[in-house]
């Protein structure tokens, strides 16, 4: 079973993504900020991390910096899912090592398709 970690501080987004990924048989883990992501990563190795940028405590950029230092996560795909749609923000996210950058609003169907293609 594929594992996905979804990090977002918006409850509705977490719930809709969790529902959609459970429906296609992913094991879903939820975090509401970057510190929760890092805590979860001590116990799980997800196939994919969906990471919001604007979160309390530790933002998505800082969280990705930490993730990139973890050898056990070298095969994990990281996708920024953010309302920050400015080309500079997108470029920054990809330059930092994100595998993709999806802007809100987004199509869950297309997002799932993109993830499935990434994972092969």
PDB file of N, CA and C in Angstrom:
ATOM      1  N   UNK A   1       0.843  -1.195   0.000  1.00  0.00           N
ATOM      2  CA  UNK A   1       0.000   0.000   0.000  1.00  0.00           C
ATOM      3  C   UNK A   1       0.879   1.246   0.000  1.00  0.00           C
ATOM      4  N   UNK A   2       0.574   2.175  -0.887  1.00  0.00           N
ATOM      5  CA  UNK A   2       1.352   3.417  -0.964  1.00  0.00           C
ATOM      6  C   UNK A   2       1.000   4.316   0.212  1.00  0.00           C
ATOM      7  N   UNK A   3       2.015   5.041   0.694  1.00  0.00           N
ATOM      8  CA  UNK A   3       1.825   5.943   1.835  1.00  0.00           C
ATOM      9  C   UNK A   3       1.967   7.380   1.370  1.00  0.00           C
ATOM     10  N   UNK A   4       1.030   8.213   1.836  1.00  0.00           N
ATOM     11  CA  UNK A   4       1.097   9.641   1.528  1.00  0.00           C
ATOM     12  C   UNK A   4       0.968  10.433   2.819  1.00  0.00           C
ATOM     13  N   UNK A   5       1.817  11.436   2.942  1.00  0.00           N
ATOM     14  CA  UNK A   5       1.748  12.360   4.073  1.00  0.00           C
ATOM     15  C   UNK A   5       1.246  13.692   3.535  1.00  0.00           C
ATOM     16  N   UNK A   6       0.130  14.156   4.086  1.00  0.00           N
ATOM     17  CA  UNK A   6      -0.475  15.414   3.633  1.00  0.00           C
ATOM     18  C   UNK A   6      -0.305  16.450   4.735  1.00  0.00           C
ATOM     19  N   UNK A   7       0.362  17.550   4.396  1.00  0.00           N
ATOM     20  CA  UNK A   7       0.603  18.605   5.377  1.00  0.00           C
ATOM     21  C   UNK A   7      -0.067  19.898   4.918  1.00  0.00           C
ATOM     22  N   UNK A   8      -1.058  20.325   5.671  1.00  0.00           N
ATOM     23  CA  UNK A   8      -1.776  21.570   5.363  1.00  0.00           C
ATOM     24  C   UNK A   8      -2.450  22.037   6.642  1.00  0.00           C
ATOM     25  N   UNK A   9      -2.559  23.342   6.822  1.00  0.00           N
ATOM     26  CA  UNK A   9      -3.209  23.840   8.031  1.00  0.00           C
ATOM     27  C   UNK A   9      -4.701  24.115   7.811  1.00  0.00           C
ATOM     28  N   UNK A  10      -5.206  23.871   6.604  1.00  0.00           N
ATOM     29  CA  UNK A  10      -6.630  24.075   6.318  1.00  0.00           C
ATOM     30  C   UNK A  10      -7.371  22.745   6.439  1.00  0.00           C
ATOM     31  N   UNK A  11      -8.262  22.668   7.414  1.00  0.00           N
ATOM     32  CA  UNK A  11      -8.988  21.442   7.738  1.00  0.00           C
ATOM     33  C   UNK A  11      -9.737  20.854   6.533  1.00  0.00           C
ATOM     34  N   UNK A  12     -10.439  21.715   5.777  1.00  0.00           N
ATOM     35  CA  UNK A  12     -11.234  21.221   4.641  1.00  0.00           C
ATOM     36  C   UNK A  12     -10.352  20.562   3.583  1.00  0.00           C
ATOM     37  N   UNK A  13      -9.188  21.140   3.334  1.00  0.00           N
ATOM     38  CA  UNK A  13      -8.263  20.578   2.347  1.00  0.00           C
ATOM     39  C   UNK A  13      -7.765  19.219   2.833  1.00  0.00           C
ATOM     40  N   UNK A  14      -7.364  19.153   4.111  1.00  0.00           N
ATOM     41  CA  UNK A  14      -6.907  17.876   4.673  1.00  0.00           C
ATOM     42  C   UNK A  14      -7.974  16.801   4.537  1.00  0.00           C
ATOM     43  N   UNK A  15      -9.209  17.145   4.880  1.00  0.00           N
ATOM     44  CA  UNK A  15     -10.284  16.153   4.865  1.00  0.00           C
ATOM     45  C   UNK A  15     -10.583  15.659   3.447  1.00  0.00           C
ATOM     46  N   UNK A  16     -10.630  16.585   2.482  1.00  0.00           N
ATOM     47  CA  UNK A  16     -10.959  16.165   1.113  1.00  0.00           C
ATOM     48  C   UNK A  16      -9.832  15.337   0.499  1.00  0.00           C
ATOM     49  N   UNK A  17      -8.585  15.725   0.769  1.00  0.00           N
ATOM     50  CA  UNK A  17      -7.455  14.950   0.246  1.00  0.00           C
ATOM     51  C   UNK A  17      -7.373  13.588   0.929  1.00  0.00           C
ATOM     52  N   UNK A  18      -7.568  13.578   2.238  1.00  0.00           N
ATOM     53  CA  UNK A  18      -7.518  12.306   2.965  1.00  0.00           C
ATOM     54  C   UNK A  18      -8.566  11.339   2.408  1.00  0.00           C
ATOM     55  N   UNK A  19      -9.792  11.831   2.240  1.00  0.00           N
ATOM     56  CA  UNK A  19     -10.870  11.005   1.704  1.00  0.00           C
ATOM     57  C   UNK A  19     -10.505  10.470   0.310  1.00  0.00           C
ATOM     58  N   UNK A  20     -10.037  11.356  -0.554  1.00  0.00           N
ATOM     59  CA  UNK A  20      -9.730  10.972  -1.935  1.00  0.00           C
ATOM     60  C   UNK A  20      -8.621   9.929  -2.013  1.00  0.00           C
ATOM     61  N   UNK A  21      -7.577  10.082  -1.201  1.00  0.00           N
ATOM     62  CA  UNK A  21      -6.465   9.135  -1.255  1.00  0.00           C
ATOM     63  C   UNK A  21      -6.799   7.811  -0.565  1.00  0.00           C
ATOM     64  N   UNK A  22      -7.614   7.862   0.486  1.00  0.00           N
ATOM     65  CA  UNK A  22      -8.044   6.600   1.116  1.00  0.00           C
ATOM     66  C   UNK A  22      -8.892   5.784   0.138  1.00  0.00           C
ATOM     67  N   UNK A  23      -9.707   6.500  -0.631  1.00  0.00           N
ATOM     68  CA  UNK A  23     -10.591   5.841  -1.601  1.00  0.00           C
ATOM     69  C   UNK A  23      -9.801   5.030  -2.632  1.00  0.00           C
ATOM     70  N   UNK A  24      -8.594   5.510  -2.990  1.00  0.00           N
ATOM     71  CA  UNK A  24      -7.779   4.775  -3.963  1.00  0.00           C
ATOM     72  C   UNK A  24      -6.699   3.947  -3.243  1.00  0.00           C
ATOM     73  N   UNK A  25      -6.986   3.632  -1.983  1.00  0.00           N
ATOM     74  CA  UNK A  25      -6.186   2.693  -1.188  1.00  0.00           C
ATOM     75  C   UNK A  25      -4.771   3.154  -0.832  1.00  0.00           C
ATOM     76  N   UNK A  26      -4.629   4.421  -0.536  1.00  0.00           N
ATOM     77  CA  UNK A  26      -3.367   4.917   0.019  1.00  0.00           C
ATOM     78  C   UNK A  26      -3.492   4.877   1.539  1.00  0.00           C
ATOM     79  N   UNK A  27      -2.362   4.661   2.199  1.00  0.00           N
ATOM     80  CA  UNK A  27      -2.317   4.848   3.641  1.00  0.00           C
ATOM     81  C   UNK A  27      -2.027   6.331   3.841  1.00  0.00           C
ATOM     82  N   UNK A  28      -2.903   7.049   4.551  1.00  0.00           N
ATOM     83  CA  UNK A  28      -2.824   8.505   4.639  1.00  0.00           C
ATOM     84  C   UNK A  28      -2.395   8.943   6.037  1.00  0.00           C
ATOM     85  N   UNK A  29      -1.423   9.852   6.068  1.00  0.00           N
ATOM     86  CA  UNK A  29      -0.968  10.460   7.313  1.00  0.00           C
ATOM     87  C   UNK A  29      -1.185  11.962   7.190  1.00  0.00           C
ATOM     88  N   UNK A  30      -1.563  12.591   8.297  1.00  0.00           N
ATOM     89  CA  UNK A  30      -1.942  14.007   8.296  1.00  0.00           C
ATOM     90  C   UNK A  30      -1.036  14.810   9.226  1.00  0.00           C
ATOM     91  N   UNK A  31      -0.617  15.985   8.746  1.00  0.00           N
ATOM     92  CA  UNK A  31       0.122  16.928   9.593  1.00  0.00           C
ATOM     93  C   UNK A  31      -0.452  18.321   9.352  1.00  0.00           C
ATOM     94  N   UNK A  32      -0.465  19.136  10.399  1.00  0.00           N
ATOM     95  CA  UNK A  32      -1.031  20.487  10.277  1.00  0.00           C
ATOM     96  C   UNK A  32       0.030  21.574  10.187  1.00  0.00           C
ATOM     97  N   UNK A  33       1.291  21.184  10.347  1.00  0.00           N
ATOM     98  CA  UNK A  33       2.394  22.127  10.165  1.00  0.00           C
ATOM     99  C   UNK A  33       3.687  21.338   9.985  1.00  0.00           C
ATOM    100  N   UNK A  34       4.760  22.058   9.703  1.00  0.00           N
ATOM    101  CA  UNK A  34       6.034  21.422   9.425  1.00  0.00           C
ATOM    102  C   UNK A  34       6.606  20.626  10.581  1.00  0.00           C
ATOM    103  N   UNK A  35       6.367  21.088  11.821  1.00  0.00           N
ATOM    104  CA  UNK A  35       6.902  20.346  12.959  1.00  0.00           C
ATOM    105  C   UNK A  35       6.218  18.982  13.076  1.00  0.00           C
ATOM    106  N   UNK A  36       4.918  18.924  12.795  1.00  0.00           N
ATOM    107  CA  UNK A  36       4.204  17.638  12.802  1.00  0.00           C
ATOM    108  C   UNK A  36       4.731  16.721  11.704  1.00  0.00           C
ATOM    109  N   UNK A  37       5.058  17.298  10.547  1.00  0.00           N
ATOM    110  CA  UNK A  37       5.629  16.512   9.448  1.00  0.00           C
ATOM    111  C   UNK A  37       6.918  15.840   9.928  1.00  0.00           C
ATOM    112  N   UNK A  38       7.813  16.624  10.508  1.00  0.00           N
ATOM    113  CA  UNK A  38       9.107  16.099  10.937  1.00  0.00           C
ATOM    114  C   UNK A  38       8.953  15.044  12.032  1.00  0.00           C
ATOM    115  N   UNK A  39       7.960  15.223  12.917  1.00  0.00           N
ATOM    116  CA  UNK A  39       7.700  14.212  13.953  1.00  0.00           C
ATOM    117  C   UNK A  39       7.236  12.901  13.309  1.00  0.00           C
ATOM    118  N   UNK A  40       6.311  12.991  12.371  1.00  0.00           N
ATOM    119  CA  UNK A  40       5.797  11.789  11.692  1.00  0.00           C
ATOM    120  C   UNK A  40       6.899  11.065  10.920  1.00  0.00           C
ATOM    121  N   UNK A  41       7.806  11.837  10.331  1.00  0.00           N
ATOM    122  CA  UNK A  41       8.865  11.234   9.512  1.00  0.00           C
ATOM    123  C   UNK A  41       9.874  10.442  10.347  1.00  0.00           C
ATOM    124  N   UNK A  42       9.783  10.558  11.665  1.00  0.00           N
ATOM    125  CA  UNK A  42      10.634   9.730  12.534  1.00  0.00           C
ATOM    126  C   UNK A  42      10.119   8.288  12.571  1.00  0.00           C
ATOM    127  N   UNK A  43       8.836   8.106  12.224  1.00  0.00           N
ATOM    128  CA  UNK A  43       8.226   6.783  12.339  1.00  0.00           C
ATOM    129  C   UNK A  43       7.726   6.203  11.017  1.00  0.00           C
ATOM    130  N   UNK A  44       7.577   7.034   9.988  1.00  0.00           N
ATOM    131  CA  UNK A  44       7.090   6.530   8.694  1.00  0.00           C
ATOM    132  C   UNK A  44       7.993   7.005   7.554  1.00  0.00           C
ATOM    133  N   UNK A  45       7.967   6.259   6.456  1.00  0.00           N
ATOM    134  CA  UNK A  45       8.646   6.676   5.231  1.00  0.00           C
ATOM    135  C   UNK A  45       7.595   6.688   4.118  1.00  0.00           C
ATOM    136  N   UNK A  46       7.014   7.857   3.865  1.00  0.00           N
ATOM    137  CA  UNK A  46       5.968   7.923   2.845  1.00  0.00           C
ATOM    138  C   UNK A  46       6.538   7.860   1.428  1.00  0.00           C
ATOM    139  N   UNK A  47       5.693   7.456   0.486  1.00  0.00           N
ATOM    140  CA  UNK A  47       6.071   7.481  -0.926  1.00  0.00           C
ATOM    141  C   UNK A  47       5.989   8.908  -1.450  1.00  0.00           C
ATOM    142  N   UNK A  48       5.020   9.666  -0.907  1.00  0.00           N
ATOM    143  CA  UNK A  48       4.759  11.042  -1.353  1.00  0.00           C
ATOM    144  C   UNK A  48       4.455  11.924  -0.143  1.00  0.00           C
ATOM    145  N   UNK A  49       4.942  13.158  -0.216  1.00  0.00           N
ATOM    146  CA  UNK A  49       4.566  14.174   0.778  1.00  0.00           C
ATOM    147  C   UNK A  49       3.942  15.338   0.015  1.00  0.00           C
ATOM    148  N   UNK A  50       2.694  15.657   0.359  1.00  0.00           N
ATOM    149  CA  UNK A  50       2.038  16.861  -0.170  1.00  0.00           C
ATOM    150  C   UNK A  50       2.242  17.937   0.885  1.00  0.00           C
ATOM    151  N   UNK A  51       2.877  19.018   0.496  1.00  0.00           N
ATOM    152  CA  UNK A  51       3.336  19.998   1.474  1.00  0.00           C
ATOM    153  C   UNK A  51       2.836  21.397   1.143  1.00  0.00           C
ATOM    154  N   UNK A  52       2.024  21.947   2.032  1.00  0.00           N
ATOM    155  CA  UNK A  52       1.603  23.340   1.901  1.00  0.00           C
ATOM    156  C   UNK A  52       2.807  24.214   2.265  1.00  0.00           C
ATOM    157  N   UNK A  53       2.845  25.428   1.762  1.00  0.00           N
ATOM    158  CA  UNK A  53       3.963  26.317   2.097  1.00  0.00           C
ATOM    159  C   UNK A  53       3.634  27.176   3.314  1.00  0.00           C
ATOM    160  N   UNK A  54       2.464  27.796   3.300  1.00  0.00           N
ATOM    161  CA  UNK A  54       2.108  28.711   4.387  1.00  0.00           C
ATOM    162  C   UNK A  54       1.423  27.943   5.518  1.00  0.00           C
ATOM    163  N   UNK A  55       2.236  27.524   6.493  1.00  0.00           N
ATOM    164  CA  UNK A  55       1.734  26.803   7.666  1.00  0.00           C
ATOM    165  C   UNK A  55       2.328  27.432   8.913  1.00  0.00           C
ATOM    166  N   UNK A  56       1.644  27.281  10.057  1.00  0.00           N
ATOM    167  CA  UNK A  56       2.195  27.829  11.302  1.00  0.00           C
ATOM    168  C   UNK A  56       3.419  27.040  11.761  1.00  0.00           C
ATOM    169  N   UNK A  57       4.152  27.601  12.698  1.00  0.00           N
ATOM    170  CA  UNK A  57       5.342  26.994  13.328  1.00  0.00           C
ATOM    171  C   UNK A  57       6.505  26.796  12.372  1.00  0.00           C
ATOM    172  N   UNK A  58       6.357  25.919  11.376  1.00  0.00           N
ATOM    173  CA  UNK A  58       7.440  25.656  10.427  1.00  0.00           C
ATOM    174  C   UNK A  58       6.812  25.606   9.042  1.00  0.00           C
ATOM    175  N   UNK A  59       7.201  26.534   8.167  1.00  0.00           N
ATOM    176  CA  UNK A  59       6.570  26.588   6.843  1.00  0.00           C
ATOM    177  C   UNK A  59       7.072  25.469   5.923  1.00  0.00           C
ATOM    178  N   UNK A  60       6.457  25.357   4.759  1.00  0.00           N
ATOM    179  CA  UNK A  60       6.797  24.301   3.818  1.00  0.00           C
ATOM    180  C   UNK A  60       8.226  24.354   3.315  1.00  0.00           C
ATOM    181  N   UNK A  61       8.720  25.559   3.062  1.00  0.00           N
ATOM    182  CA  UNK A  61      10.102  25.690   2.579  1.00  0.00           C
ATOM    183  C   UNK A  61      11.089  25.136   3.617  1.00  0.00           C
ATOM    184  N   UNK A  62      10.929  25.557   4.869  1.00  0.00           N
ATOM    185  CA  UNK A  62      11.824  25.107   5.945  1.00  0.00           C
ATOM    186  C   UNK A  62      11.687  23.607   6.172  1.00  0.00           C
ATOM    187  N   UNK A  63      10.458  23.114   6.048  1.00  0.00           N
ATOM    188  CA  UNK A  63      10.213  21.674   6.214  1.00  0.00           C
ATOM    189  C   UNK A  63      10.936  20.893   5.125  1.00  0.00           C
ATOM    190  N   UNK A  64      10.845  21.368   3.880  1.00  0.00           N
ATOM    191  CA  UNK A  64      11.524  20.686   2.772  1.00  0.00           C
ATOM    192  C   UNK A  64      13.036  20.663   2.992  1.00  0.00           C
ATOM    193  N   UNK A  65      13.594  21.773   3.494  1.00  0.00           N
ATOM    194  CA  UNK A  65      15.039  21.813   3.780  1.00  0.00           C
ATOM    195  C   UNK A  65      15.424  20.679   4.725  1.00  0.00           C
ATOM    196  N   UNK A  66      14.599  20.468   5.751  1.00  0.00           N
ATOM    197  CA  UNK A  66      14.865  19.394   6.720  1.00  0.00           C
ATOM    198  C   UNK A  66      14.725  18.016   6.060  1.00  0.00           C
ATOM    199  N   UNK A  67      13.671  17.846   5.265  1.00  0.00           N
ATOM    200  CA  UNK A  67      13.418  16.562   4.588  1.00  0.00           C
ATOM    201  C   UNK A  67      14.605  16.193   3.705  1.00  0.00           C
ATOM    202  N   UNK A  68      15.155  17.181   3.012  1.00  0.00           N
ATOM    203  CA  UNK A  68      16.256  16.926   2.072  1.00  0.00           C
ATOM    204  C   UNK A  68      17.532  16.462   2.777  1.00  0.00           C
ATOM    205  N   UNK A  69      17.608  16.613   4.098  1.00  0.00           N
ATOM    206  CA  UNK A  69      18.789  16.152   4.835  1.00  0.00           C
ATOM    207  C   UNK A  69      18.639  14.698   5.302  1.00  0.00           C
ATOM    208  N   UNK A  70      17.446  14.111   5.106  1.00  0.00           N
ATOM    209  CA  UNK A  70      17.170  12.761   5.614  1.00  0.00           C
ATOM    210  C   UNK A  70      17.407  11.718   4.525  1.00  0.00           C
ATOM    211  N   UNK A  71      18.470  10.936   4.708  1.00  0.00           N
ATOM    212  CA  UNK A  71      18.851   9.943   3.704  1.00  0.00           C
ATOM    213  C   UNK A  71      17.754   8.934   3.398  1.00  0.00           C
ATOM    214  N   UNK A  72      16.983   8.547   4.429  1.00  0.00           N
ATOM    215  CA  UNK A  72      15.938   7.534   4.240  1.00  0.00           C
ATOM    216  C   UNK A  72      14.780   8.035   3.369  1.00  0.00           C
ATOM    217  N   UNK A  73      14.755   9.330   3.095  1.00  0.00           N
ATOM    218  CA  UNK A  73      13.658   9.907   2.294  1.00  0.00           C
ATOM    219  C   UNK A  73      14.099  10.253   0.879  1.00  0.00           C
ATOM    220  N   UNK A  74      15.251   9.763   0.464  1.00  0.00           N
ATOM    221  CA  UNK A  74      15.787  10.122  -0.848  1.00  0.00           C
ATOM    222  C   UNK A  74      14.832   9.726  -1.985  1.00  0.00           C
ATOM    223  N   UNK A  75      14.053   8.653  -1.797  1.00  0.00           N
ATOM    224  CA  UNK A  75      13.128   8.208  -2.853  1.00  0.00           C
ATOM    225  C   UNK A  75      11.730   8.811  -2.700  1.00  0.00           C
ATOM    226  N   UNK A  76      11.488   9.521  -1.611  1.00  0.00           N
ATOM    227  CA  UNK A  76      10.171  10.115  -1.364  1.00  0.00           C
ATOM    228  C   UNK A  76       9.954  11.322  -2.267  1.00  0.00           C
ATOM    229  N   UNK A  77       8.807  11.364  -2.935  1.00  0.00           N
ATOM    230  CA  UNK A  77       8.453  12.499  -3.787  1.00  0.00           C
ATOM    231  C   UNK A  77       7.824  13.578  -2.920  1.00  0.00           C
ATOM    232  N   UNK A  78       8.240  14.822  -3.139  1.00  0.00           N
ATOM    233  CA  UNK A  78       7.669  15.949  -2.385  1.00  0.00           C
ATOM    234  C   UNK A  78       7.004  16.897  -3.379  1.00  0.00           C
ATOM    235  N   UNK A  79       5.733  17.178  -3.115  1.00  0.00           N
ATOM    236  CA  UNK A  79       4.966  18.073  -3.983  1.00  0.00           C
ATOM    237  C   UNK A  79       4.457  19.234  -3.141  1.00  0.00           C
ATOM    238  N   UNK A  80       4.825  20.450  -3.540  1.00  0.00           N
ATOM    239  CA  UNK A  80       4.255  21.616  -2.881  1.00  0.00           C
ATOM    240  C   UNK A  80       2.831  21.795  -3.401  1.00  0.00           C
ATOM    241  N   UNK A  81       1.913  22.054  -2.474  1.00  0.00           N
ATOM    242  CA  UNK A  81       0.520  22.314  -2.803  1.00  0.00           C
ATOM    243  C   UNK A  81       0.206  23.644  -2.137  1.00  0.00           C
ATOM    244  N   UNK A  82       0.198  24.724  -2.918  1.00  0.00           N
ATOM    245  CA  UNK A  82       0.180  26.045  -2.296  1.00  0.00           C
ATOM    246  C   UNK A  82      -0.671  27.057  -3.047  1.00  0.00           C
ATOM    247  N   UNK A  83      -1.166  28.030  -2.296  1.00  0.00           N
ATOM    248  CA  UNK A  83      -1.882  29.156  -2.896  1.00  0.00           C
ATOM    249  C   UNK A  83      -0.895  30.173  -3.465  1.00  0.00           C
ATOM    250  N   UNK A  84       0.383  30.022  -3.131  1.00  0.00           N
ATOM    251  CA  UNK A  84       1.409  30.937  -3.641  1.00  0.00           C
ATOM    252  C   UNK A  84       1.682  30.583  -5.109  1.00  0.00           C
ATOM    253  N   UNK A  85       1.031  31.333  -6.003  1.00  0.00           N
ATOM    254  CA  UNK A  85       1.093  30.997  -7.433  1.00  0.00           C
ATOM    255  C   UNK A  85       2.058  31.893  -8.218  1.00  0.00           C
ATOM    256  N   UNK A  86       2.775  32.759  -7.523  1.00  0.00           N
ATOM    257  CA  UNK A  86       3.740  33.635  -8.181  1.00  0.00           C
ATOM    258  C   UNK A  86       4.857  32.783  -8.792  1.00  0.00           C
ATOM    259  N   UNK A  87       5.232  33.059 -10.048  1.00  0.00           N
ATOM    260  CA  UNK A  87       6.304  32.266 -10.681  1.00  0.00           C
ATOM    261  C   UNK A  87       7.582  32.176  -9.848  1.00  0.00           C
ATOM    262  N   UNK A  88       7.910  33.233  -9.094  1.00  0.00           N
ATOM    263  CA  UNK A  88       9.107  33.202  -8.237  1.00  0.00           C
ATOM    264  C   UNK A  88       8.968  32.161  -7.120  1.00  0.00           C
ATOM    265  N   UNK A  89       7.748  32.062  -6.553  1.00  0.00           N
ATOM    266  CA  UNK A  89       7.505  31.074  -5.494  1.00  0.00           C
ATOM    267  C   UNK A  89       7.633  29.665  -6.058  1.00  0.00           C
ATOM    268  N   UNK A  90       7.062  29.454  -7.229  1.00  0.00           N
ATOM    269  CA  UNK A  90       7.107  28.138  -7.884  1.00  0.00           C
ATOM    270  C   UNK A  90       8.558  27.763  -8.178  1.00  0.00           C
ATOM    271  N   UNK A  91       9.294  28.719  -8.738  1.00  0.00           N
ATOM    272  CA  UNK A  91      10.700  28.490  -9.066  1.00  0.00           C
ATOM    273  C   UNK A  91      11.504  28.159  -7.798  1.00  0.00           C
ATOM    274  N   UNK A  92      11.252  28.909  -6.723  1.00  0.00           N
ATOM    275  CA  UNK A  92      11.954  28.671  -5.457  1.00  0.00           C
ATOM    276  C   UNK A  92      11.682  27.248  -4.963  1.00  0.00           C
ATOM    277  N   UNK A  93      10.422  26.844  -4.988  1.00  0.00           N
ATOM    278  CA  UNK A  93      10.050  25.511  -4.519  1.00  0.00           C
ATOM    279  C   UNK A  93      10.731  24.413  -5.312  1.00  0.00           C
ATOM    280  N   UNK A  94      10.753  24.553  -6.620  1.00  0.00           N
ATOM    281  CA  UNK A  94      11.381  23.542  -7.476  1.00  0.00           C
ATOM    282  C   UNK A  94      12.905  23.565  -7.322  1.00  0.00           C
ATOM    283  N   UNK A  95      13.479  24.767  -7.196  1.00  0.00           N
ATOM    284  CA  UNK A  95      14.932  24.888  -7.002  1.00  0.00           C
ATOM    285  C   UNK A  95      15.372  24.247  -5.680  1.00  0.00           C
ATOM    286  N   UNK A  96      14.486  24.271  -4.692  1.00  0.00           N
ATOM    287  CA  UNK A  96      14.808  23.683  -3.387  1.00  0.00           C
ATOM    288  C   UNK A  96      14.760  22.159  -3.424  1.00  0.00           C
ATOM    289  N   UNK A  97      14.217  21.619  -4.507  1.00  0.00           N
ATOM    290  CA  UNK A  97      14.201  20.166  -4.629  1.00  0.00           C
ATOM    291  C   UNK A  97      12.835  19.511  -4.616  1.00  0.00           C
ATOM    292  N   UNK A  98      11.770  20.313  -4.642  1.00  0.00           N
ATOM    293  CA  UNK A  98      10.440  19.701  -4.736  1.00  0.00           C
ATOM    294  C   UNK A  98      10.319  19.014  -6.097  1.00  0.00           C
ATOM    295  N   UNK A  99       9.595  17.891  -6.129  1.00  0.00           N
ATOM    296  CA  UNK A  99       9.422  17.148  -7.380  1.00  0.00           C
ATOM    297  C   UNK A  99       8.350  17.782  -8.266  1.00  0.00           C
ATOM    298  N   UNK A 100       7.447  18.537  -7.637  1.00  0.00           N
ATOM    299  CA  UNK A 100       6.396  19.232  -8.388  1.00  0.00           C
ATOM    300  C   UNK A 100       5.860  20.366  -7.522  1.00  0.00           C
ATOM    301  N   UNK A 101       5.128  21.269  -8.173  1.00  0.00           N
ATOM    302  CA  UNK A 101       4.533  22.407  -7.481  1.00  0.00           C
ATOM    303  C   UNK A 101       3.140  22.585  -8.057  1.00  0.00           C
ATOM    304  N   UNK A 102       2.123  22.376  -7.235  1.00  0.00           N
ATOM    305  CA  UNK A 102       0.735  22.480  -7.677  1.00  0.00           C
ATOM    306  C   UNK A 102       0.108  23.665  -6.957  1.00  0.00           C
ATOM    307  N   UNK A 103      -0.549  24.532  -7.713  1.00  0.00           N
ATOM    308  CA  UNK A 103      -1.153  25.719  -7.099  1.00  0.00           C
ATOM    309  C   UNK A 103      -2.629  25.471  -6.782  1.00  0.00           C
ATOM    310  N   UNK A 104      -3.075  26.097  -5.681  1.00  0.00           N
ATOM    311  CA  UNK A 104      -4.490  26.056  -5.288  1.00  0.00           C
ATOM    312  C   UNK A 104      -5.204  27.176  -6.019  1.00  0.00           C
ATOM    313  N   UNK A 105      -6.427  27.006  -6.458  1.00  0.00           N
ATOM    314  CA  UNK A 105      -7.200  25.759  -6.411  1.00  0.00           C
ATOM    315  C   UNK A 105      -6.648  24.740  -7.411  1.00  0.00           C
ATOM    316  N   UNK A 106      -6.901  23.479  -7.135  1.00  0.00           N
ATOM    317  CA  UNK A 106      -6.375  22.399  -7.963  1.00  0.00           C
ATOM    318  C   UNK A 106      -7.473  21.365  -8.186  1.00  0.00           C
ATOM    319  N   UNK A 107      -7.268  20.501  -9.136  1.00  0.00           N
ATOM    320  CA  UNK A 107      -8.183  19.395  -9.397  1.00  0.00           C
ATOM    321  C   UNK A 107      -7.627  18.161  -8.681  1.00  0.00           C
ATOM    322  N   UNK A 108      -8.392  17.593  -7.769  1.00  0.00           N
ATOM    323  CA  UNK A 108      -7.939  16.397  -7.049  1.00  0.00           C
ATOM    324  C   UNK A 108      -7.679  15.270  -8.047  1.00  0.00           C
ATOM    325  N   UNK A 109      -8.533  15.165  -9.044  1.00  0.00           N
ATOM    326  CA  UNK A 109      -8.384  14.118 -10.056  1.00  0.00           C
ATOM    327  C   UNK A 109      -7.026  14.243 -10.769  1.00  0.00           C
ATOM    328  N   UNK A 110      -6.679  15.472 -11.177  1.00  0.00           N
ATOM    329  CA  UNK A 110      -5.390  15.706 -11.853  1.00  0.00           C
ATOM    330  C   UNK A 110      -4.218  15.485 -10.904  1.00  0.00           C
ATOM    331  N   UNK A 111      -4.380  15.890  -9.659  1.00  0.00           N
ATOM    332  CA  UNK A 111      -3.327  15.712  -8.655  1.00  0.00           C
ATOM    333  C   UNK A 111      -3.044  14.219  -8.458  1.00  0.00           C
ATOM    334  N   UNK A 112      -4.096  13.438  -8.312  1.00  0.00           N
ATOM    335  CA  UNK A 112      -3.933  11.986  -8.147  1.00  0.00           C
ATOM    336  C   UNK A 112      -3.248  11.391  -9.370  1.00  0.00           C
ATOM    337  N   UNK A 113      -3.667  11.828 -10.553  1.00  0.00           N
ATOM    338  CA  UNK A 113      -3.075  11.355 -11.799  1.00  0.00           C
ATOM    339  C   UNK A 113      -1.573  11.655 -11.831  1.00  0.00           C
ATOM    340  N   UNK A 114      -1.217  12.875 -11.461  1.00  0.00           N
ATOM    341  CA  UNK A 114       0.189  13.301 -11.449  1.00  0.00           C
ATOM    342  C   UNK A 114       1.007  12.453 -10.475  1.00  0.00           C
ATOM    343  N   UNK A 115       0.450  12.187  -9.298  1.00  0.00           N
ATOM    344  CA  UNK A 115       1.148  11.395  -8.274  1.00  0.00           C
ATOM    345  C   UNK A 115       1.318   9.951  -8.758  1.00  0.00           C
ATOM    346  N   UNK A 116       0.268   9.398  -9.329  1.00  0.00           N
ATOM    347  CA  UNK A 116       0.331   8.028  -9.828  1.00  0.00           C
ATOM    348  C   UNK A 116       1.413   7.892 -10.906  1.00  0.00           C
ATOM    349  N   UNK A 117       1.503   8.895 -11.791  1.00  0.00           N
ATOM    350  CA  UNK A 117       2.534   8.884 -12.829  1.00  0.00           C
ATOM    351  C   UNK A 117       3.933   8.981 -12.220  1.00  0.00           C
ATOM    352  N   UNK A 118       4.076   9.846 -11.223  1.00  0.00           N
ATOM    353  CA  UNK A 118       5.373  10.019 -10.541  1.00  0.00           C
ATOM    354  C   UNK A 118       5.849   8.714  -9.913  1.00  0.00           C
ATOM    355  N   UNK A 119       4.916   8.012  -9.311  1.00  0.00           N
ATOM    356  CA  UNK A 119       5.273   6.786  -8.592  1.00  0.00           C
ATOM    357  C   UNK A 119       5.397   5.584  -9.509  1.00  0.00           C
ATOM    358  N   UNK A 120       4.968   5.757 -10.754  1.00  0.00           N
ATOM    359  CA  UNK A 120       5.106   4.675 -11.733  1.00  0.00           C
ATOM    360  C   UNK A 120       4.032   3.648 -11.642  1.00  0.00           C
TER     361      UNK A 120
END
